[in-house]
Amino acid sequence: LGKNYPARVNNLLVTKKLLALNKKHNIAGGNPDSGSEHSVKLSGKKYPARV
C-alpha cells in the first residue's frame, strides 16, 4: 500500500484484505480450527470469521 495513505486508511485496507483472505480460507475449509465461533474484532463490532 502507498505511503500517501493515512495510517487509518492503511489499517482499514489491510483489515479488509485479511477478512477477505479469512473468508476465502474458511469457505475452502482449509483449517478445521477456524469455525464460526472465531471472530475478528473490527471497530468495536464482532464480525464472524465464517459467513
Protein backbone atom coordinates (compact mmCIF):
# COMPACT_ATOMS: atom_id res chain seq x y z
CA LEU A 1 0.00 0.00 0.00
CA GLY A 2 1.14 3.51 -0.77
CA LYS A 3 2.76 5.78 1.77
CA ASN A 4 0.38 8.59 0.77
CA TYR A 5 -2.48 6.95 2.66
CA PRO A 6 -3.03 7.99 6.26
CA ALA A 7 -2.41 5.22 8.79
CA ARG A 8 -6.12 4.70 9.47
CA VAL A 9 -6.91 4.11 5.80
CA ASN A 10 -3.95 1.74 5.52
CA ASN A 11 -5.14 -0.22 8.54
CA LEU A 12 -8.67 -0.44 7.18
CA LEU A 13 -7.45 -1.69 3.80
CA VAL A 14 -5.19 -4.26 5.47
CA THR A 15 -8.03 -5.41 7.72
CA LYS A 16 -10.38 -5.76 4.75
CA LYS A 17 -7.73 -7.79 2.92
CA LEU A 18 -7.26 -10.06 5.92
CA LEU A 19 -11.02 -10.50 6.34
CA ALA A 20 -11.34 -11.43 2.67
CA LEU A 21 -8.48 -13.93 2.99
CA ASN A 22 -10.00 -15.33 6.17
CA LYS A 23 -13.38 -15.73 4.46
CA LYS A 24 -11.80 -17.45 1.45
CA HIS A 25 -9.83 -19.73 3.73
CA ASN A 26 -12.90 -20.75 5.73
CA ILE A 27 -15.07 -21.36 2.65
CA ALA A 28 -12.28 -23.54 1.28
CA GLY A 29 -12.39 -25.41 4.59
CA GLY A 30 -8.61 -25.40 4.93
CA ASN A 31 -8.42 -25.15 8.71
CA PRO A 32 -10.80 -27.17 10.91
CA ASP A 33 -9.95 -24.89 13.84
CA SER A 34 -11.37 -21.78 12.17
CA GLY A 35 -15.06 -22.29 12.89
CA SER A 36 -17.99 -19.93 13.25
CA GLU A 37 -17.19 -19.11 16.88
CA HIS A 38 -13.91 -17.47 15.84
CA SER A 39 -14.44 -13.84 15.01
CA VAL A 40 -12.44 -10.80 14.06
CA LYS A 41 -12.90 -7.68 16.15
CA LEU A 42 -13.23 -4.68 13.87
CA SER A 43 -14.03 -1.15 15.08
CA GLY A 44 -15.76 -2.36 18.24
CA LYS A 45 -18.06 -4.82 16.45
CA LYS A 46 -17.67 -8.55 16.12
CA TYR A 47 -17.63 -9.99 12.63
CA PRO A 48 -17.94 -13.76 12.27
CA ALA A 49 -14.95 -15.34 10.59
CA ARG A 50 -17.21 -17.64 8.58
CA VAL A 51 -20.05 -16.20 6.51
